[in-house]
Amino acid sequence: DKAPENIFPLPQHDAAAAVAYVRSHAAQWHTDPDRIAIMGFSAGGHLA
């Protein structure tokens, strides 16, 4: 019932920034930069 403040595209910006952050830190975290999946549940599924 609260008035929404963080509306589109702010959540999408956050998800995009997170994927990019993982990709840019791939060497540090021993991550394959070409195998980064996004997973979401319910509204988080809409975000993903």
All heavy atoms as atom14 arrays in JSON, in Angstrom:
{
  "sequence": "DKAPENIFPLPQHDAAAAVAYVRSHAAQWHTDPDRIAIMGFSAGGHLA",
  "atom14_mask": [
    [1, 1, 1, 1, 1, 1, 1, 1, 0, 0, 0, 0, 0, 0],
    [1, 1, 1, 1, 1, 1, 1, 1, 1, 0, 0, 0, 0, 0],
    [1, 1, 1, 1, 1, 0, 0, 0, 0, 0, 0, 0, 0, 0],
    [1, 1, 1, 1, 1, 1, 1, 0, 0, 0, 0, 0, 0, 0],
    [1, 1, 1, 1, 1, 1, 1, 1, 1, 0, 0, 0, 0, 0],
    [1, 1, 1, 1, 1, 1, 1, 1, 0, 0, 0, 0, 0, 0],
    [1, 1, 1, 1, 1, 1, 1, 1, 0, 0, 0, 0, 0, 0],
    [1, 1, 1, 1, 1, 1, 1, 1, 1, 1, 1, 0, 0, 0],
    [1, 1, 1, 1, 1, 1, 1, 0, 0, 0, 0, 0, 0, 0],
    [1, 1, 1, 1, 1, 1, 1, 1, 0, 0, 0, 0, 0, 0],
    [1, 1, 1, 1, 1, 1, 1, 0, 0, 0, 0, 0, 0, 0],
    [1, 1, 1, 1, 1, 1, 1, 1, 1, 0, 0, 0, 0, 0],
    [1, 1, 1, 1, 1, 1, 1, 1, 1, 1, 0, 0, 0, 0],
    [1, 1, 1, 1, 1, 1, 1, 1, 0, 0, 0, 0, 0, 0],
    [1, 1, 1, 1, 1, 0, 0, 0, 0, 0, 0, 0, 0, 0],
    [1, 1, 1, 1, 1, 0, 0, 0, 0, 0, 0, 0, 0, 0],
    [1, 1, 1, 1, 1, 0, 0, 0, 0, 0, 0, 0, 0, 0],
    [1, 1, 1, 1, 1, 0, 0, 0, 0, 0, 0, 0, 0, 0],
    [1, 1, 1, 1, 1, 1, 1, 0, 0, 0, 0, 0, 0, 0],
    [1, 1, 1, 1, 1, 0, 0, 0, 0, 0, 0, 0, 0, 0],
    [1, 1, 1, 1, 1, 1, 1, 1, 1, 1, 1, 1, 0, 0],
    [1, 1, 1, 1, 1, 1, 1, 0, 0, 0, 0, 0, 0, 0],
    [1, 1, 1, 1, 1, 1, 1, 1, 1, 1, 1, 0, 0, 0],
    [1, 1, 1, 1, 1, 1, 0, 0, 0, 0, 0, 0, 0, 0],
    [1, 1, 1, 1, 1, 1, 1, 1, 1, 1, 0, 0, 0, 0],
    [1, 1, 1, 1, 1, 0, 0, 0, 0, 0, 0, 0, 0, 0],
    [1, 1, 1, 1, 1, 0, 0, 0, 0, 0, 0, 0, 0, 0],
    [1, 1, 1, 1, 1, 1, 1, 1, 1, 0, 0, 0, 0, 0],
    [1, 1, 1, 1, 1, 1, 1, 1, 1, 1, 1, 1, 1, 1],
    [1, 1, 1, 1, 1, 1, 1, 1, 1, 1, 0, 0, 0, 0],
    [1, 1, 1, 1, 1, 1, 1, 0, 0, 0, 0, 0, 0, 0],
    [1, 1, 1, 1, 1, 1, 1, 1, 0, 0, 0, 0, 0, 0],
    [1, 1, 1, 1, 1, 1, 1, 0, 0, 0, 0, 0, 0, 0],
    [1, 1, 1, 1, 1, 1, 1, 1, 0, 0, 0, 0, 0, 0],
    [1, 1, 1, 1, 1, 1, 1, 1, 1, 1, 1, 0, 0, 0],
    [1, 1, 1, 1, 1, 1, 1, 1, 0, 0, 0, 0, 0, 0],
    [1, 1, 1, 1, 1, 0, 0, 0, 0, 0, 0, 0, 0, 0],
    [1, 1, 1, 1, 1, 1, 1, 1, 0, 0, 0, 0, 0, 0],
    [1, 1, 1, 1, 1, 1, 1, 1, 0, 0, 0, 0, 0, 0],
    [1, 1, 1, 1, 0, 0, 0, 0, 0, 0, 0, 0, 0, 0],
    [1, 1, 1, 1, 1, 1, 1, 1, 1, 1, 1, 0, 0, 0],
    [1, 1, 1, 1, 1, 1, 0, 0, 0, 0, 0, 0, 0, 0],
    [1, 1, 1, 1, 1, 0, 0, 0, 0, 0, 0, 0, 0, 0],
    [1, 1, 1, 1, 0, 0, 0, 0, 0, 0, 0, 0, 0, 0],
    [1, 1, 1, 1, 0, 0, 0, 0, 0, 0, 0, 0, 0, 0],
    [1, 1, 1, 1, 1, 1, 1, 1, 1, 1, 0, 0, 0, 0],
    [1, 1, 1, 1, 1, 1, 1, 1, 0, 0, 0, 0, 0, 0],
    [1, 1, 1, 1, 1, 0, 0, 0, 0, 0, 0, 0, 0, 0]
  ],
  "atom14_positions": [
    [[0.81, -1.21, 0.0], [0.0, 0.0, 0.0], [0.84, 1.27, 0.0], [0.3, 2.37, -0.03], [-0.93, 0.01, 1.22], [-1.93, -1.13, 1.18], [-2.33, -1.5, 0.05], [-2.28, -1.66, 2.24], [0.0, 0.0, 0.0], [0.0, 0.0, 0.0], [0.0, 0.0, 0.0], [0.0, 0.0, 0.0], [0.0, 0.0, 0.0], [0.0, 0.0, 0.0]],
    [[2.16, 1.12, 0.04], [3.03, 2.28, 0.03], [3.15, 2.87, -1.38], [3.09, 2.14, -2.37], [4.43, 1.91, 0.54], [4.45, 1.38, 1.97], [4.17, 2.48, 2.97], [4.27, 1.95, 4.39], [3.99, 2.99, 5.38], [0.0, 0.0, 0.0], [0.0, 0.0, 0.0], [0.0, 0.0, 0.0], [0.0, 0.0, 0.0], [0.0, 0.0, 0.0]],
    [[3.31, 4.18, -1.46], [3.49, 4.81, -2.76], [4.82, 4.37, -3.36], [5.86, 4.53, -2.74], [3.46, 6.32, -2.61], [0.0, 0.0, 0.0], [0.0, 0.0, 0.0], [0.0, 0.0, 0.0], [0.0, 0.0, 0.0], [0.0, 0.0, 0.0], [0.0, 0.0, 0.0], [0.0, 0.0, 0.0], [0.0, 0.0, 0.0], [0.0, 0.0, 0.0]],
    [[4.81, 3.79, -4.56], [6.06, 3.3, -5.15], [6.98, 4.45, -5.55], [6.54, 5.47, -6.05], [5.59, 2.52, -6.38], [4.25, 3.07, -6.7], [3.64, 3.5, -5.4], [0.0, 0.0, 0.0], [0.0, 0.0, 0.0], [0.0, 0.0, 0.0], [0.0, 0.0, 0.0], [0.0, 0.0, 0.0], [0.0, 0.0, 0.0], [0.0, 0.0, 0.0]],
    [[8.26, 4.27, -5.3], [9.26, 5.28, -5.65], [10.24, 4.74, -6.69], [10.64, 5.46, -7.6], [10.03, 5.71, -4.41], [9.17, 6.43, -3.37], [9.95, 6.77, -2.12], [11.13, 6.38, -2.03], [9.38, 7.41, -1.22], [0.0, 0.0, 0.0], [0.0, 0.0, 0.0], [0.0, 0.0, 0.0], [0.0, 0.0, 0.0], [0.0, 0.0, 0.0]],
    [[10.62, 3.49, -6.54], [11.67, 2.93, -7.4], [11.03, 2.23, -8.59], [11.01, 1.01, -8.69], [12.53, 1.96, -6.59], [13.27, 2.68, -5.48], [13.82, 3.76, -5.7], [13.27, 2.11, -4.3], [0.0, 0.0, 0.0], [0.0, 0.0, 0.0], [0.0, 0.0, 0.0], [0.0, 0.0, 0.0], [0.0, 0.0, 0.0], [0.0, 0.0, 0.0]],
    [[10.49, 3.03, -9.5], [9.74, 2.49, -10.62], [10.66, 2.24, -11.82], [11.84, 2.6, -11.81], [8.58, 3.42, -11.0], [9.11, 4.79, -11.44], [7.61, 3.57, -9.83], [8.03, 5.73, -11.96], [0.0, 0.0, 0.0], [0.0, 0.0, 0.0], [0.0, 0.0, 0.0], [0.0, 0.0, 0.0], [0.0, 0.0, 0.0], [0.0, 0.0, 0.0]],
    [[10.1, 1.61, -12.85], [10.83, 1.33, -14.09], [11.48, 2.62, -14.6], [10.87, 3.67, -14.61], [9.85, 0.81, -15.14], [10.49, 0.41, -16.45], [10.89, -0.9, -16.65], [10.69, 1.34, -17.45], [11.49, -1.27, -17.85], [11.3, 0.98, -18.65], [11.69, -0.33, -18.84], [0.0, 0.0, 0.0], [0.0, 0.0, 0.0], [0.0, 0.0, 0.0]],
    [[12.76, 2.55, -15.03], [13.59, 1.36, -15.18], [14.59, 1.13, -14.05], [15.61, 0.46, -14.27], [14.33, 1.67, -16.48], [14.59, 3.16, -16.38], [13.37, 3.73, -15.68], [0.0, 0.0, 0.0], [0.0, 0.0, 0.0], [0.0, 0.0, 0.0], [0.0, 0.0, 0.0], [0.0, 0.0, 0.0], [0.0, 0.0, 0.0], [0.0, 0.0, 0.0]],
    [[14.35, 1.66, -12.85], [15.37, 1.55, -11.8], [15.68, 0.11, -11.4], [16.85, -0.25, -11.28], [14.97, 2.4, -10.6], [14.79, 3.91, -10.85], [14.63, 4.66, -9.55], [15.97, 4.47, -11.65], [0.0, 0.0, 0.0], [0.0, 0.0, 0.0], [0.0, 0.0, 0.0], [0.0, 0.0, 0.0], [0.0, 0.0, 0.0], [0.0, 0.0, 0.0]],
    [[14.67, -0.76, -11.17], [15.03, -2.15, -10.88], [15.8, -2.81, -12.03], [16.74, -3.59, -11.79], [13.68, -2.83, -10.65], [12.76, -1.72, -10.27], [13.22, -0.54, -11.08], [0.0, 0.0, 0.0], [0.0, 0.0, 0.0], [0.0, 0.0, 0.0], [0.0, 0.0, 0.0], [0.0, 0.0, 0.0], [0.0, 0.0, 0.0], [0.0, 0.0, 0.0]],
    [[15.41, -2.46, -13.26], [16.11, -3.02, -14.42], [17.55, -2.52, -14.48], [18.46, -3.26, -14.85], [15.35, -2.67, -15.7], [14.09, -3.49, -15.95], [12.97, -3.26, -14.95], [12.86, -2.18, -14.35], [12.14, -4.27, -14.76], [0.0, 0.0, 0.0], [0.0, 0.0, 0.0], [0.0, 0.0, 0.0], [0.0, 0.0, 0.0], [0.0, 0.0, 0.0]],
    [[17.76, -1.26, -14.12], [19.13, -0.74, -14.04], [19.95, -1.54, -13.04], [21.12, -1.86, -13.28], [19.11, 0.73, -13.62], [18.74, 1.67, -14.72], [18.51, 3.0, -14.51], [18.58, 1.47, -16.06], [18.22, 3.59, -15.66], [18.25, 2.68, -16.61], [0.0, 0.0, 0.0], [0.0, 0.0, 0.0], [0.0, 0.0, 0.0], [0.0, 0.0, 0.0]],
    [[19.32, -1.87, -11.9], [20.05, -2.61, -10.86], [20.44, -4.0, -11.35], [21.56, -4.47, -11.1], [19.2, -2.72, -9.6], [18.92, -1.36, -8.96], [19.57, -0.37, -9.34], [18.03, -1.3, -8.09], [0.0, 0.0, 0.0], [0.0, 0.0, 0.0], [0.0, 0.0, 0.0], [0.0, 0.0, 0.0], [0.0, 0.0, 0.0], [0.0, 0.0, 0.0]],
    [[19.51, -4.68, -12.03], [19.8, -6.02, -12.54], [20.9, -5.96, -13.6], [21.82, -6.8, -13.61], [18.54, -6.65, -13.11], [0.0, 0.0, 0.0], [0.0, 0.0, 0.0], [0.0, 0.0, 0.0], [0.0, 0.0, 0.0], [0.0, 0.0, 0.0], [0.0, 0.0, 0.0], [0.0, 0.0, 0.0], [0.0, 0.0, 0.0], [0.0, 0.0, 0.0]],
    [[20.81, -4.97, -14.48], [21.84, -4.82, -15.51], [23.2, -4.53, -14.88], [24.23, -5.1, -15.29], [21.44, -3.69, -16.46], [0.0, 0.0, 0.0], [0.0, 0.0, 0.0], [0.0, 0.0, 0.0], [0.0, 0.0, 0.0], [0.0, 0.0, 0.0], [0.0, 0.0, 0.0], [0.0, 0.0, 0.0], [0.0, 0.0, 0.0], [0.0, 0.0, 0.0]],
    [[23.21, -3.64, -13.88], [24.47, -3.3, -13.21], [25.06, -4.52, -12.52], [26.29, -4.7, -12.5], [24.23, -2.18, -12.21], [0.0, 0.0, 0.0], [0.0, 0.0, 0.0], [0.0, 0.0, 0.0], [0.0, 0.0, 0.0], [0.0, 0.0, 0.0], [0.0, 0.0, 0.0], [0.0, 0.0, 0.0], [0.0, 0.0, 0.0], [0.0, 0.0, 0.0]],
    [[24.2, -5.37, -11.96], [24.69, -6.57, -11.26], [25.33, -7.55, -12.22], [26.41, -8.09, -11.95], [23.54, -7.24, -10.51], [0.0, 0.0, 0.0], [0.0, 0.0, 0.0], [0.0, 0.0, 0.0], [0.0, 0.0, 0.0], [0.0, 0.0, 0.0], [0.0, 0.0, 0.0], [0.0, 0.0, 0.0], [0.0, 0.0, 0.0], [0.0, 0.0, 0.0]],
    [[24.69, -7.79, -13.36], [25.27, -8.7, -14.35], [26.6, -8.14, -14.84], [27.6, -8.87, -14.96], [24.3, -8.91, -15.52], [24.99, -9.65, -16.67], [23.07, -9.69, -15.06], [0.0, 0.0, 0.0], [0.0, 0.0, 0.0], [0.0, 0.0, 0.0], [0.0, 0.0, 0.0], [0.0, 0.0, 0.0], [0.0, 0.0, 0.0], [0.0, 0.0, 0.0]],
    [[26.64, -6.85, -15.12], [27.89, -6.23, -15.59], [28.97, -6.3, -14.51], [30.16, -6.5, -14.83], [27.63, -4.77, -15.98], [0.0, 0.0, 0.0], [0.0, 0.0, 0.0], [0.0, 0.0, 0.0], [0.0, 0.0, 0.0], [0.0, 0.0, 0.0], [0.0, 0.0, 0.0], [0.0, 0.0, 0.0], [0.0, 0.0, 0.0], [0.0, 0.0, 0.0]],
    [[28.59, -6.13, -13.25], [29.55, -6.18, -12.15], [30.17, -7.58, -12.02], [31.38, -7.71, -11.86], [28.85, -5.79, -10.85], [29.76, -5.47, -9.7], [30.21, -4.17, -9.48], [30.16, -6.45, -8.79], [31.03, -3.86, -8.41], [30.98, -6.15, -7.71], [31.42, -4.85, -7.53], [32.23, -4.55, -6.47], [0.0, 0.0, 0.0], [0.0, 0.0, 0.0]],
    [[29.32, -8.59, -12.12], [29.84, -9.97, -12.07], [30.77, -10.21, -13.26], [31.86, -10.81, -13.11], [28.68, -10.98, -12.07], [29.21, -12.41, -12.22], [27.86, -10.85, -10.78], [0.0, 0.0, 0.0], [0.0, 0.0, 0.0], [0.0, 0.0, 0.0], [0.0, 0.0, 0.0], [0.0, 0.0, 0.0], [0.0, 0.0, 0.0], [0.0, 0.0, 0.0]],
    [[30.38, -9.73, -14.42], [31.21, -9.93, -15.61], [32.55, -9.21, -15.48], [33.6, -9.76, -15.84], [30.42, -9.45, -16.84], [31.11, -9.72, -18.17], [30.12, -9.6, -19.33], [29.33, -10.83, -19.46], [27.99, -10.87, -19.57], [27.29, -9.75, -19.55], [27.38, -12.03, -19.69], [0.0, 0.0, 0.0], [0.0, 0.0, 0.0], [0.0, 0.0, 0.0]],
    [[32.54, -7.99, -14.94], [33.79, -7.24, -14.82], [34.71, -7.79, -13.74], [35.91, -7.5, -13.73], [33.48, -5.76, -14.54], [32.89, -5.59, -13.27], [0.0, 0.0, 0.0], [0.0, 0.0, 0.0], [0.0, 0.0, 0.0], [0.0, 0.0, 0.0], [0.0, 0.0, 0.0], [0.0, 0.0, 0.0], [0.0, 0.0, 0.0], [0.0, 0.0, 0.0]],
    [[34.15, -8.57, -12.8], [34.94, -9.19, -11.75], [35.14, -10.69, -12.0], [35.47, -11.44, -11.08], [34.28, -8.98, -10.39], [34.34, -7.57, -9.9], [33.56, -6.56, -10.42], [35.1, -6.98, -8.92], [33.82, -5.43, -9.8], [34.75, -5.65, -8.9], [0.0, 0.0, 0.0], [0.0, 0.0, 0.0], [0.0, 0.0, 0.0], [0.0, 0.0, 0.0]],
    [[34.95, -11.11, -13.24], [34.99, -12.54, -13.56], [36.32, -13.18, -13.19], [36.36, -14.27, -12.61], [34.7, -12.73, -15.04], [0.0, 0.0, 0.0], [0.0, 0.0, 0.0], [0.0, 0.0, 0.0], [0.0, 0.0, 0.0], [0.0, 0.0, 0.0], [0.0, 0.0, 0.0], [0.0, 0.0, 0.0], [0.0, 0.0, 0.0], [0.0, 0.0, 0.0]],
    [[37.41, -12.53, -13.49], [38.73, -13.11, -13.19], [38.92, -13.25, -11.69], [39.39, -14.28, -11.19], [39.83, -12.27, -13.8], [0.0, 0.0, 0.0], [0.0, 0.0, 0.0], [0.0, 0.0, 0.0], [0.0, 0.0, 0.0], [0.0, 0.0, 0.0], [0.0, 0.0, 0.0], [0.0, 0.0, 0.0], [0.0, 0.0, 0.0], [0.0, 0.0, 0.0]],
    [[38.54, -12.22, -10.94], [38.68, -12.23, -9.48], [37.87, -13.35, -8.84], [38.31, -13.99, -7.88], [38.23, -10.88, -8.93], [38.17, -10.8, -7.41], [37.57, -9.48, -6.95], [37.56, -8.49, -7.69], [37.06, -9.45, -5.73], [0.0, 0.0, 0.0], [0.0, 0.0, 0.0], [0.0, 0.0, 0.0], [0.0, 0.0, 0.0], [0.0, 0.0, 0.0]],
    [[36.67, -13.59, -9.37], [35.77, -14.58, -8.78], [35.76, -15.91, -9.53], [34.88, -16.74, -9.31], [34.35, -14.0, -8.73], [34.18, -12.93, -7.71], [34.86, -12.78, -6.54], [33.25, -11.82, -7.75], [34.43, -11.69, -5.84], [33.43, -11.07, -6.55], [32.29, -11.41, -8.65], [32.68, -9.94, -6.27], [31.54, -10.28, -8.37], [31.74, -9.55, -7.19]],
    [[36.75, -16.11, -10.42], [36.85, -17.38, -11.16], [35.52, -17.73, -11.83], [35.0, -18.83, -11.71], [37.32, -18.51, -10.24], [38.73, -18.34, -9.76], [39.81, -18.88, -10.43], [39.24, -17.67, -8.71], [40.92, -18.55, -9.8], [40.61, -17.82, -8.75], [0.0, 0.0, 0.0], [0.0, 0.0, 0.0], [0.0, 0.0, 0.0], [0.0, 0.0, 0.0]],
    [[34.98, -16.74, -12.51], [33.7, -16.87, -13.2], [33.91, -16.82, -14.71], [34.73, -16.05, -15.21], [32.76, -15.72, -12.78], [32.45, -15.85, -11.4], [31.47, -15.72, -13.59], [0.0, 0.0, 0.0], [0.0, 0.0, 0.0], [0.0, 0.0, 0.0], [0.0, 0.0, 0.0], [0.0, 0.0, 0.0], [0.0, 0.0, 0.0], [0.0, 0.0, 0.0]],
    [[33.17, -17.64, -15.43], [33.18, -17.58, -16.89], [32.31, -16.4, -17.31], [31.09, -16.41, -17.09], [32.61, -18.88, -17.47], [32.74, -18.95, -18.98], [32.83, -17.88, -19.63], [32.73, -20.06, -19.53], [0.0, 0.0, 0.0], [0.0, 0.0, 0.0], [0.0, 0.0, 0.0], [0.0, 0.0, 0.0], [0.0, 0.0, 0.0], [0.0, 0.0, 0.0]],
    [[32.88, -15.35, -17.91], [32.1, -14.15, -18.25], [31.05, -14.38, -19.32], [30.17, -13.54, -19.52], [33.16, -13.15, -18.72], [34.29, -14.01, -19.21], [34.3, -15.22, -18.32], [0.0, 0.0, 0.0], [0.0, 0.0, 0.0], [0.0, 0.0, 0.0], [0.0, 0.0, 0.0], [0.0, 0.0, 0.0], [0.0, 0.0, 0.0], [0.0, 0.0, 0.0]],
    [[31.14, -15.52, -20.01], [30.18, -15.84, -21.06], [29.14, -16.86, -20.6], [28.38, -17.39, -21.42], [30.92, -16.38, -22.3], [31.85, -15.34, -22.9], [31.45, -14.16, -22.99], [32.98, -15.7, -23.27], [0.0, 0.0, 0.0], [0.0, 0.0, 0.0], [0.0, 0.0, 0.0], [0.0, 0.0, 0.0], [0.0, 0.0, 0.0], [0.0, 0.0, 0.0]],
    [[29.09, -17.1, -19.29], [28.1, -18.05, -18.75], [27.49, -17.46, -17.47], [27.54, -18.07, -16.41], [28.75, -19.41, -18.49], [29.31, -20.09, -19.73], [29.89, -21.45, -19.4], [28.83, -22.4, -19.04], [29.06, -23.59, -18.46], [30.3, -23.94, -18.16], [28.06, -24.39, -18.19], [0.0, 0.0, 0.0], [0.0, 0.0, 0.0], [0.0, 0.0, 0.0]],
    [[26.9, -16.29, -17.61], [26.25, -15.63, -16.48], [24.74, -15.64, -16.71], [24.23, -14.99, -17.62], [26.75, -14.18, -16.32], [28.28, -14.16, -16.1], [26.03, -13.49, -15.17], [28.87, -12.77, -16.11], [0.0, 0.0, 0.0], [0.0, 0.0, 0.0], [0.0, 0.0, 0.0], [0.0, 0.0, 0.0], [0.0, 0.0, 0.0], [0.0, 0.0, 0.0]],
    [[24.05, -16.41, -15.91], [22.59, -16.51, -16.02], [21.94, -15.58, -15.01], [22.52, -15.24, -13.97], [22.14, -17.95, -15.75], [0.0, 0.0, 0.0], [0.0, 0.0, 0.0], [0.0, 0.0, 0.0], [0.0, 0.0, 0.0], [0.0, 0.0, 0.0], [0.0, 0.0, 0.0], [0.0, 0.0, 0.0], [0.0, 0.0, 0.0], [0.0, 0.0, 0.0]],
    [[20.72, -15.16, -15.31], [19.92, -14.4, -14.36], [18.7, -15.22, -14.0], [18.05, -15.82, -14.86], [19.54, -13.01, -14.91], [18.92, -12.15, -13.8], [18.65, -13.11, -16.15], [18.9, -10.67, -14.1], [0.0, 0.0, 0.0], [0.0, 0.0, 0.0], [0.0, 0.0, 0.0], [0.0, 0.0, 0.0], [0.0, 0.0, 0.0], [0.0, 0.0, 0.0]],
    [[18.41, -15.3, -12.69], [17.31, -16.1, -12.17], [16.38, -15.19, -11.39], [16.84, -14.32, -10.63], [17.85, -17.2, -11.24], [16.77, -18.02, -10.53], [17.5, -19.21, -9.35], [18.31, -20.34, -10.47], [0.0, 0.0, 0.0], [0.0, 0.0, 0.0], [0.0, 0.0, 0.0], [0.0, 0.0, 0.0], [0.0, 0.0, 0.0], [0.0, 0.0, 0.0]],
    [[15.07, -15.38, -11.56], [14.13, -14.55, -10.83], [12.89, -15.31, -10.44], [12.46, -16.25, -11.13], [0.0, 0.0, 0.0], [0.0, 0.0, 0.0], [0.0, 0.0, 0.0], [0.0, 0.0, 0.0], [0.0, 0.0, 0.0], [0.0, 0.0, 0.0], [0.0, 0.0, 0.0], [0.0, 0.0, 0.0], [0.0, 0.0, 0.0], [0.0, 0.0, 0.0]],
    [[12.31, -14.89, -9.31], [11.11, -15.5, -8.76], [9.97, -14.49, -8.78], [10.14, -13.36, -8.29], [11.36, -15.97, -7.32], [12.4, -17.03, -7.19], [13.75, -16.71, -7.22], [12.04, -18.36, -7.05], [14.71, -17.69, -7.1], [13.0, -19.36, -6.94], [14.33, -19.02, -6.97], [0.0, 0.0, 0.0], [0.0, 0.0, 0.0], [0.0, 0.0, 0.0]],
    [[8.82, -14.87, -9.32], [7.63, -14.02, -9.31], [7.95, -12.65, -9.92], [8.32, -12.58, -11.09], [7.11, -13.91, -7.87], [5.82, -13.33, -7.83], [0.0, 0.0, 0.0], [0.0, 0.0, 0.0], [0.0, 0.0, 0.0], [0.0, 0.0, 0.0], [0.0, 0.0, 0.0], [0.0, 0.0, 0.0], [0.0, 0.0, 0.0], [0.0, 0.0, 0.0]],
    [[7.82, -11.55, -9.17], [8.19, -10.25, -9.72], [9.67, -10.18, -10.04], [10.09, -9.51, -10.99], [7.81, -9.12, -8.76], [0.0, 0.0, 0.0], [0.0, 0.0, 0.0], [0.0, 0.0, 0.0], [0.0, 0.0, 0.0], [0.0, 0.0, 0.0], [0.0, 0.0, 0.0], [0.0, 0.0, 0.0], [0.0, 0.0, 0.0], [0.0, 0.0, 0.0]],
    [[10.49, -10.88, -9.26], [11.9, -11.01, -9.61], [12.07, -11.74, -10.92], [13.04, -11.52, -11.66], [0.0, 0.0, 0.0], [0.0, 0.0, 0.0], [0.0, 0.0, 0.0], [0.0, 0.0, 0.0], [0.0, 0.0, 0.0], [0.0, 0.0, 0.0], [0.0, 0.0, 0.0], [0.0, 0.0, 0.0], [0.0, 0.0, 0.0], [0.0, 0.0, 0.0]],
    [[11.12, -12.64, -11.23], [11.11, -13.3, -12.53], [10.82, -12.31, -13.64], [11.39, -12.39, -14.73], [0.0, 0.0, 0.0], [0.0, 0.0, 0.0], [0.0, 0.0, 0.0], [0.0, 0.0, 0.0], [0.0, 0.0, 0.0], [0.0, 0.0, 0.0], [0.0, 0.0, 0.0], [0.0, 0.0, 0.0], [0.0, 0.0, 0.0], [0.0, 0.0, 0.0]],
    [[9.93, -11.34, -13.36], [9.69, -10.29, -14.34], [10.96, -9.47, -14.55], [11.3, -9.12, -15.69], [8.55, -9.37, -13.87], [8.21, -8.28, -14.85], [8.93, -7.1, -14.92], [7.26, -8.2, -15.81], [8.42, -6.34, -15.87], [7.41, -6.98, -16.42], [0.0, 0.0, 0.0], [0.0, 0.0, 0.0], [0.0, 0.0, 0.0], [0.0, 0.0, 0.0]],
    [[11.66, -9.18, -13.47], [12.91, -8.41, -13.59], [13.94, -9.16, -14.42], [14.55, -8.6, -15.34], [13.46, -8.11, -12.19], [14.78, -7.35, -12.12], [14.7, -6.04, -12.89], [15.17, -7.1, -10.67], [0.0, 0.0, 0.0], [0.0, 0.0, 0.0], [0.0, 0.0, 0.0], [0.0, 0.0, 0.0], [0.0, 0.0, 0.0], [0.0, 0.0, 0.0]],
    [[14.13, -10.45, -14.12], [15.07, -11.26, -14.89], [14.64, -11.37, -16.34], [15.45, -11.28, -17.27], [15.19, -12.65, -14.26], [0.0, 0.0, 0.0], [0.0, 0.0, 0.0], [0.0, 0.0, 0.0], [0.0, 0.0, 0.0], [0.0, 0.0, 0.0], [0.0, 0.0, 0.0], [0.0, 0.0, 0.0], [0.0, 0.0, 0.0], [0.0, 0.0, 0.0]]
  ]
}
